[in-house]
């Protein structure tokens, strides 16, 4: 697989999770989640590249854990609507 295709797949996954975060919590939360997933993807890439002694395919696949982690965080957070009637 070409590195450009992997980057495009990662970018689409991050944008999809960020759009879902936007629909649940708003623009600020979506921007921070996009930034956080991008930083996590870079850290995972270089960490996996170091651990696997330069296996770029392993490092590239491990970057897909960033949108998965972001999606889990977005799915498990609330909508942010406070109910003060209780």
N, C-alpha and C. Protein backbone atom coordinates (compact mmCIF):
# COMPACT_ATOMS: atom_id res chain seq x y z
N UNK A 1 0.84 -1.17 0.00
CA UNK A 1 0.00 0.00 0.00
C UNK A 1 0.89 1.23 0.00
N UNK A 2 0.50 2.20 -0.77
CA UNK A 2 1.26 3.44 -0.84
C UNK A 2 1.09 4.23 0.45
N UNK A 3 2.13 4.92 0.89
CA UNK A 3 2.02 5.71 2.12
C UNK A 3 0.95 6.81 2.03
N UNK A 4 0.73 7.34 0.84
CA UNK A 4 -0.28 8.39 0.68
C UNK A 4 -1.68 7.85 0.97
N UNK A 5 -1.96 6.63 0.55
CA UNK A 5 -3.27 6.03 0.81
C UNK A 5 -3.48 5.83 2.31
N UNK A 6 -2.46 5.38 3.00
CA UNK A 6 -2.57 5.22 4.44
C UNK A 6 -2.82 6.54 5.15
N UNK A 7 -2.16 7.60 4.68
CA UNK A 7 -2.35 8.92 5.26
C UNK A 7 -3.78 9.41 5.00
N UNK A 8 -4.28 9.18 3.80
CA UNK A 8 -5.64 9.60 3.47
C UNK A 8 -6.67 8.84 4.30
N UNK A 9 -6.45 7.54 4.49
CA UNK A 9 -7.36 6.74 5.31
C UNK A 9 -7.34 7.25 6.75
N UNK A 10 -6.16 7.54 7.27
CA UNK A 10 -6.05 8.07 8.63
C UNK A 10 -6.74 9.42 8.74
N UNK A 11 -6.54 10.29 7.78
CA UNK A 11 -7.16 11.61 7.79
C UNK A 11 -8.68 11.51 7.73
N UNK A 12 -9.20 10.62 6.89
CA UNK A 12 -10.65 10.43 6.80
C UNK A 12 -11.22 9.88 8.10
N UNK A 13 -10.51 8.97 8.73
CA UNK A 13 -10.97 8.41 10.00
C UNK A 13 -10.99 9.48 11.09
N UNK A 14 -9.96 10.30 11.15
CA UNK A 14 -9.91 11.37 12.15
C UNK A 14 -11.01 12.39 11.89
N UNK A 15 -11.23 12.75 10.64
CA UNK A 15 -12.28 13.72 10.34
C UNK A 15 -13.67 13.17 10.63
N UNK A 16 -13.88 11.89 10.39
CA UNK A 16 -15.17 11.27 10.68
C UNK A 16 -15.46 11.29 12.17
N UNK A 17 -14.48 10.93 12.97
CA UNK A 17 -14.67 10.95 14.42
C UNK A 17 -14.85 12.39 14.90
N UNK A 18 -14.14 13.33 14.31
CA UNK A 18 -14.29 14.73 14.71
C UNK A 18 -15.67 15.28 14.35
N UNK A 19 -16.20 14.88 13.21
CA UNK A 19 -17.56 15.30 12.84
C UNK A 19 -18.59 14.72 13.79
N UNK A 20 -18.39 13.49 14.22
CA UNK A 20 -19.30 12.91 15.19
C UNK A 20 -19.18 13.63 16.54
N UNK A 21 -17.96 13.99 16.91
CA UNK A 21 -17.76 14.75 18.14
C UNK A 21 -18.41 16.13 18.04
N UNK A 22 -18.38 16.72 16.87
CA UNK A 22 -19.04 18.01 16.65
C UNK A 22 -20.55 17.88 16.83
N UNK A 23 -21.12 16.79 16.34
CA UNK A 23 -22.56 16.63 16.47
C UNK A 23 -22.98 16.36 17.91
N UNK A 24 -22.08 15.84 18.72
CA UNK A 24 -22.43 15.53 20.12
C UNK A 24 -22.10 16.67 21.07
N UNK A 25 -20.95 17.31 20.91
CA UNK A 25 -20.48 18.27 21.92
C UNK A 25 -20.22 19.67 21.39
N UNK A 26 -20.07 19.85 20.10
CA UNK A 26 -19.84 21.20 19.58
C UNK A 26 -18.49 21.33 18.90
N UNK A 27 -18.24 22.54 18.42
CA UNK A 27 -17.07 22.80 17.59
C UNK A 27 -15.76 22.75 18.38
N UNK A 28 -15.76 23.27 19.58
CA UNK A 28 -14.52 23.30 20.37
C UNK A 28 -14.08 21.89 20.71
N UNK A 29 -15.03 21.06 21.14
CA UNK A 29 -14.72 19.67 21.47
C UNK A 29 -14.22 18.92 20.23
N UNK A 30 -14.82 19.20 19.07
CA UNK A 30 -14.40 18.55 17.83
C UNK A 30 -12.98 18.97 17.44
N UNK A 31 -12.68 20.25 17.61
CA UNK A 31 -11.34 20.73 17.27
C UNK A 31 -10.28 20.11 18.19
N UNK A 32 -10.59 20.05 19.49
CA UNK A 32 -9.63 19.44 20.42
C UNK A 32 -9.49 17.94 20.19
N UNK A 33 -10.58 17.28 19.83
CA UNK A 33 -10.47 15.84 19.56
C UNK A 33 -9.67 15.58 18.28
N UNK A 34 -9.84 16.41 17.28
CA UNK A 34 -9.06 16.27 16.04
C UNK A 34 -7.57 16.49 16.32
N UNK A 35 -7.27 17.53 17.08
CA UNK A 35 -5.88 17.81 17.42
C UNK A 35 -5.29 16.70 18.27
N UNK A 36 -6.05 16.21 19.23
CA UNK A 36 -5.57 15.14 20.09
C UNK A 36 -5.31 13.85 19.33
N UNK A 37 -6.21 13.52 18.40
CA UNK A 37 -6.01 12.30 17.60
C UNK A 37 -4.81 12.44 16.66
N UNK A 38 -4.59 13.63 16.13
CA UNK A 38 -3.43 13.83 15.26
C UNK A 38 -2.13 13.69 16.05
N UNK A 39 -2.09 14.26 17.24
CA UNK A 39 -0.89 14.13 18.07
C UNK A 39 -0.68 12.67 18.48
N UNK A 40 -1.77 12.00 18.87
CA UNK A 40 -1.66 10.60 19.25
C UNK A 40 -1.20 9.72 18.08
N UNK A 41 -1.65 10.04 16.87
CA UNK A 41 -1.24 9.27 15.70
C UNK A 41 0.27 9.41 15.46
N UNK A 42 0.79 10.61 15.62
CA UNK A 42 2.23 10.84 15.43
C UNK A 42 3.03 10.09 16.49
N UNK A 43 2.57 10.17 17.74
CA UNK A 43 3.26 9.48 18.83
C UNK A 43 3.23 7.97 18.61
N UNK A 44 2.07 7.45 18.21
CA UNK A 44 1.96 6.01 17.96
C UNK A 44 2.84 5.58 16.79
N UNK A 45 2.91 6.41 15.75
CA UNK A 45 3.73 6.06 14.59
C UNK A 45 5.21 5.94 14.98
N UNK A 46 5.72 6.97 15.63
CA UNK A 46 7.14 6.94 15.97
C UNK A 46 7.44 5.92 17.07
N UNK A 47 6.50 5.73 17.98
CA UNK A 47 6.70 4.72 19.01
C UNK A 47 6.73 3.31 18.42
N UNK A 48 5.80 3.02 17.52
CA UNK A 48 5.78 1.70 16.88
C UNK A 48 6.96 1.53 15.93
N UNK A 49 7.39 2.61 15.29
CA UNK A 49 8.56 2.53 14.42
C UNK A 49 9.81 2.21 15.23
N UNK A 50 9.92 2.78 16.41
CA UNK A 50 11.06 2.51 17.28
C UNK A 50 11.01 1.08 17.82
N UNK A 51 9.83 0.65 18.26
CA UNK A 51 9.70 -0.68 18.85
C UNK A 51 9.90 -1.78 17.81
N UNK A 52 9.41 -1.56 16.59
CA UNK A 52 9.48 -2.61 15.57
C UNK A 52 10.75 -2.55 14.72
N UNK A 53 11.72 -1.77 15.13
CA UNK A 53 13.01 -1.65 14.44
C UNK A 53 12.86 -1.22 12.99
N UNK A 54 11.98 -0.26 12.75
CA UNK A 54 11.87 0.33 11.43
C UNK A 54 10.85 -0.30 10.50
N UNK A 55 9.96 -1.15 10.98
CA UNK A 55 8.92 -1.74 10.14
C UNK A 55 7.82 -0.70 9.92
N UNK A 56 7.83 -0.08 8.76
CA UNK A 56 6.92 1.02 8.50
C UNK A 56 5.47 0.56 8.37
N UNK A 57 5.24 -0.64 7.90
CA UNK A 57 3.87 -1.14 7.79
C UNK A 57 3.25 -1.30 9.16
N UNK A 58 3.99 -1.83 10.10
CA UNK A 58 3.50 -1.98 11.47
C UNK A 58 3.25 -0.61 12.09
N UNK A 59 4.15 0.31 11.86
CA UNK A 59 3.98 1.66 12.41
C UNK A 59 2.79 2.36 11.77
N UNK A 60 2.59 2.17 10.49
CA UNK A 60 1.46 2.79 9.81
C UNK A 60 0.13 2.24 10.28
N UNK A 61 0.07 0.96 10.48
CA UNK A 61 -1.17 0.35 10.95
C UNK A 61 -1.46 0.76 12.38
N UNK A 62 -0.42 0.92 13.17
CA UNK A 62 -0.64 1.31 14.57
C UNK A 62 -1.19 2.73 14.69
N UNK A 63 -0.97 3.57 13.70
CA UNK A 63 -1.54 4.93 13.76
C UNK A 63 -3.05 4.90 13.69
N UNK A 64 -3.63 3.84 13.17
CA UNK A 64 -5.09 3.76 13.10
C UNK A 64 -5.71 3.53 14.48
N UNK A 65 -4.89 3.29 15.49
CA UNK A 65 -5.40 3.20 16.84
C UNK A 65 -5.83 4.56 17.38
N UNK A 66 -5.30 5.64 16.82
CA UNK A 66 -5.65 6.99 17.29
C UNK A 66 -7.11 7.32 17.04
N UNK A 67 -7.65 7.12 15.82
CA UNK A 67 -9.09 7.40 15.65
C UNK A 67 -9.97 6.42 16.42
N UNK A 68 -9.49 5.20 16.62
CA UNK A 68 -10.27 4.24 17.40
C UNK A 68 -10.36 4.73 18.85
N UNK A 69 -9.25 5.18 19.40
CA UNK A 69 -9.26 5.71 20.77
C UNK A 69 -10.13 6.96 20.86
N UNK A 70 -10.03 7.82 19.85
CA UNK A 70 -10.87 9.02 19.84
C UNK A 70 -12.35 8.68 19.75
N UNK A 71 -12.69 7.68 18.95
CA UNK A 71 -14.09 7.27 18.85
C UNK A 71 -14.60 6.70 20.16
N UNK A 72 -13.78 5.93 20.84
CA UNK A 72 -14.19 5.39 22.14
C UNK A 72 -14.43 6.51 23.15
N UNK A 73 -13.60 7.52 23.13
CA UNK A 73 -13.78 8.64 24.05
C UNK A 73 -15.06 9.41 23.72
N UNK A 74 -15.31 9.64 22.43
CA UNK A 74 -16.50 10.38 22.04
C UNK A 74 -17.76 9.58 22.35
N UNK A 75 -17.72 8.27 22.12
CA UNK A 75 -18.90 7.44 22.37
C UNK A 75 -19.23 7.36 23.86
N UNK A 76 -18.22 7.40 24.70
CA UNK A 76 -18.47 7.20 26.13
C UNK A 76 -18.72 8.50 26.89
N UNK A 77 -18.55 9.64 26.26
CA UNK A 77 -18.85 10.90 26.94
C UNK A 77 -20.32 11.25 26.75
N UNK A 78 -20.82 12.07 27.63
CA UNK A 78 -22.23 12.44 27.56
C UNK A 78 -22.42 13.54 26.52
N UNK A 79 -23.66 13.90 26.30
CA UNK A 79 -23.97 14.96 25.35
C UNK A 79 -23.66 16.35 25.88
N UNK A 80 -23.41 16.46 27.16
CA UNK A 80 -23.07 17.74 27.74
C UNK A 80 -24.29 18.55 28.14
N UNK A 81 -25.48 17.95 28.13
CA UNK A 81 -26.69 18.66 28.53
C UNK A 81 -26.90 18.41 30.01
N UNK A 82 -26.94 19.47 30.77
CA UNK A 82 -27.10 19.34 32.21
C UNK A 82 -28.57 19.33 32.55
N UNK A 83 -28.93 18.47 33.46
CA UNK A 83 -30.29 18.38 33.95
C UNK A 83 -30.30 18.84 35.40
N UNK A 84 -30.69 20.09 35.64
CA UNK A 84 -30.67 20.66 36.99
C UNK A 84 -31.95 20.41 37.76
N UNK A 85 -32.87 19.65 37.22
CA UNK A 85 -34.15 19.40 37.87
C UNK A 85 -34.02 18.39 39.01
N UNK A 86 -32.95 17.69 39.10
CA UNK A 86 -32.81 16.64 40.11
C UNK A 86 -32.38 17.18 41.43
